Amino acid sequence: MLEKKFNFYLANQDELVQKYNGKHIVIVDNQVVGSYNSHADAYENAKQTYPLGKFLIQLCTPGSGDYTQTFHTRVIINKTQMDTDK
């Protein structure tokens, strides 16, 4: 369910950034129903109107930096070791 809301954000990101850049927007049923200066404000207002799971809060900024995370590790996984752990 949240995937559809996020896909709406991605499909309309450029237009949304022009209107809501830097704001935390609340998305319900493929429309923006609110914009706030903080995630906490967006959450507090959205949960008063919509049940949890019905809305998505997304920081509206250009690019993918605010919804993409990259993790790096120096751990090496040895397949042989994994097979013997079974």
C-alpha atoms as a PDB file:
ATOM      1  CA  MET A   1       0.000   0.000   0.000  1.00  0.00           C
ATOM      2  CA  LEU A   2       2.763   2.462   0.844  1.00  0.00           C
ATOM      3  CA  GLU A   3       4.530   1.431  -2.364  1.00  0.00           C
ATOM      4  CA  LYS A   4       1.736   3.001  -4.453  1.00  0.00           C
ATOM      5  CA  LYS A   5       2.047   6.245  -2.518  1.00  0.00           C
ATOM      6  CA  PHE A   6       5.820   6.259  -2.926  1.00  0.00           C
ATOM      7  CA  ASN A   7       5.496   5.530  -6.643  1.00  0.00           C
ATOM      8  CA  PHE A   8       3.147   8.519  -6.890  1.00  0.00           C
ATOM      9  CA  TYR A   9       5.850  10.640  -5.251  1.00  0.00           C
ATOM     10  CA  LEU A  10       8.523   9.359  -7.651  1.00  0.00           C
ATOM     11  CA  ALA A  11       6.338   9.881 -10.722  1.00  0.00           C
ATOM     12  CA  ASN A  12       5.531  13.460  -9.676  1.00  0.00           C
ATOM     13  CA  GLN A  13       8.703  14.392  -7.810  1.00  0.00           C
ATOM     14  CA  ASP A  14       9.762  17.252 -10.084  1.00  0.00           C
ATOM     15  CA  GLU A  15       6.359  18.931  -9.889  1.00  0.00           C
ATOM     16  CA  LEU A  16       6.078  18.311  -6.141  1.00  0.00           C
ATOM     17  CA  VAL A  17       9.547  19.758  -5.499  1.00  0.00           C
ATOM     18  CA  GLN A  18       8.566  22.956  -7.317  1.00  0.00           C
ATOM     19  CA  LYS A  19       5.643  23.356  -4.942  1.00  0.00           C
ATOM     20  CA  TYR A  20       6.851  21.762  -1.666  1.00  0.00           C
ATOM     21  CA  ASN A  21      10.663  21.815  -1.746  1.00  0.00           C
ATOM     22  CA  GLY A  22      12.080  21.148   1.719  1.00  0.00           C
ATOM     23  CA  LYS A  23       8.700  20.284   3.244  1.00  0.00           C
ATOM     24  CA  HIS A  24       7.511  16.986   4.659  1.00  0.00           C
ATOM     25  CA  ILE A  25       4.459  16.102   2.608  1.00  0.00           C
ATOM     26  CA  VAL A  26       1.652  13.720   3.522  1.00  0.00           C
ATOM     27  CA  ILE A  27       0.395  11.594   0.628  1.00  0.00           C
ATOM     28  CA  VAL A  28      -2.996   9.844   0.685  1.00  0.00           C
ATOM     29  CA  ASP A  29      -4.719   8.281  -2.326  1.00  0.00           C
ATOM     30  CA  ASN A  30      -2.225   9.743  -4.811  1.00  0.00           C
ATOM     31  CA  GLN A  31      -2.572  13.301  -3.624  1.00  0.00           C
ATOM     32  CA  VAL A  32      -0.749  15.596  -1.238  1.00  0.00           C
ATOM     33  CA  VAL A  33      -3.034  16.331   1.705  1.00  0.00           C
ATOM     34  CA  GLY A  34      -0.605  18.395   3.762  1.00  0.00           C
ATOM     35  CA  SER A  35       2.888  19.904   3.917  1.00  0.00           C
ATOM     36  CA  TYR A  36       4.834  20.575   7.105  1.00  0.00           C
ATOM     37  CA  ASN A  37       8.182  21.903   8.261  1.00  0.00           C
ATOM     38  CA  SER A  38       9.026  18.754  10.228  1.00  0.00           C
ATOM     39  CA  HIS A  39       8.359  15.035  10.089  1.00  0.00           C
ATOM     40  CA  ALA A  40       6.921  15.210  13.615  1.00  0.00           C
ATOM     41  CA  ASP A  41       4.377  17.871  12.625  1.00  0.00           C
ATOM     42  CA  ALA A  42       3.390  15.892   9.530  1.00  0.00           C
ATOM     43  CA  TYR A  43       2.922  12.717  11.580  1.00  0.00           C
ATOM     44  CA  GLU A  44       0.961  14.349  14.389  1.00  0.00           C
ATOM     45  CA  ASN A  45      -1.442  16.001  11.952  1.00  0.00           C
ATOM     46  CA  ALA A  46      -1.816  13.009   9.631  1.00  0.00           C
ATOM     47  CA  LYS A  47      -2.527  10.490  12.396  1.00  0.00           C
ATOM     48  CA  GLN A  48      -5.426  12.619  13.635  1.00  0.00           C
ATOM     49  CA  THR A  49      -7.189  12.266  10.274  1.00  0.00           C
ATOM     50  CA  TYR A  50      -5.949   9.001   8.747  1.00  0.00           C
ATOM     51  CA  PRO A  51      -5.287   5.543  10.190  1.00  0.00           C
ATOM     52  CA  LEU A  52      -1.691   4.348  10.335  1.00  0.00           C
ATOM     53  CA  GLY A  53      -0.687   2.750   7.048  1.00  0.00           C
ATOM     54  CA  LYS A  54      -3.084   4.946   5.071  1.00  0.00           C
ATOM     55  CA  PHE A  55      -0.628   7.830   4.581  1.00  0.00           C
ATOM     56  CA  LEU A  56       2.990   8.315   3.559  1.00  0.00           C
ATOM     57  CA  ILE A  57       5.210  11.099   4.871  1.00  0.00           C
ATOM     58  CA  GLN A  58       7.986  12.037   2.454  1.00  0.00           C
ATOM     59  CA  LEU A  59      10.601  14.773   2.638  1.00  0.00           C
ATOM     60  CA  CYS A  60      10.172  16.559  -0.670  1.00  0.00           C
ATOM     61  CA  THR A  61      13.562  17.375  -2.191  1.00  0.00           C
ATOM     62  CA  PRO A  62      15.163  16.996  -5.615  1.00  0.00           C
ATOM     63  CA  GLY A  63      17.120  13.846  -6.406  1.00  0.00           C
ATOM     64  CA  SER A  64      17.165  10.525  -4.602  1.00  0.00           C
ATOM     65  CA  GLY A  65      19.266  11.490  -1.577  1.00  0.00           C
ATOM     66  CA  ASP A  66      16.388  11.661   0.890  1.00  0.00           C
ATOM     67  CA  TYR A  67      14.951   8.243   0.088  1.00  0.00           C
ATOM     68  CA  THR A  68      18.046   6.216  -0.777  1.00  0.00           C
ATOM     69  CA  GLN A  69      20.569   4.777   1.665  1.00  0.00           C
ATOM     70  CA  THR A  70      23.853   3.090   0.885  1.00  0.00           C
ATOM     71  CA  PHE A  71      25.518   0.854   3.422  1.00  0.00           C
ATOM     72  CA  HIS A  72      29.169  -0.117   3.308  1.00  0.00           C
ATOM     73  CA  THR A  73      30.812  -2.884   5.274  1.00  0.00           C
ATOM     74  CA  ARG A  74      34.269  -4.336   5.554  1.00  0.00           C
ATOM     75  CA  VAL A  75      32.886  -7.753   6.405  1.00  0.00           C
ATOM     76  CA  ILE A  76      33.781 -10.584   4.052  1.00  0.00           C
ATOM     77  CA  ILE A  77      31.376 -13.493   3.960  1.00  0.00           C
ATOM     78  CA  ASN A  78      33.002 -16.815   3.242  1.00  0.00           C
ATOM     79  CA  LYS A  79      30.586 -19.145   1.460  1.00  0.00           C
ATOM     80  CA  THR A  80      32.417 -22.178   2.848  1.00  0.00           C
ATOM     81  CA  GLN A  81      31.891 -20.879   6.378  1.00  0.00           C
ATOM     82  CA  MET A  82      28.202 -20.244   5.679  1.00  0.00           C
ATOM     83  CA  ASP A  83      27.764 -23.832   4.433  1.00  0.00           C
ATOM     84  CA  THR A  84      29.288 -25.283   7.592  1.00  0.00           C
ATOM     85  CA  ASP A  85      27.043 -23.146   9.818  1.00  0.00           C
ATOM     86  CA  LYS A  86      23.927 -24.936   8.564  1.00  0.00           C
END
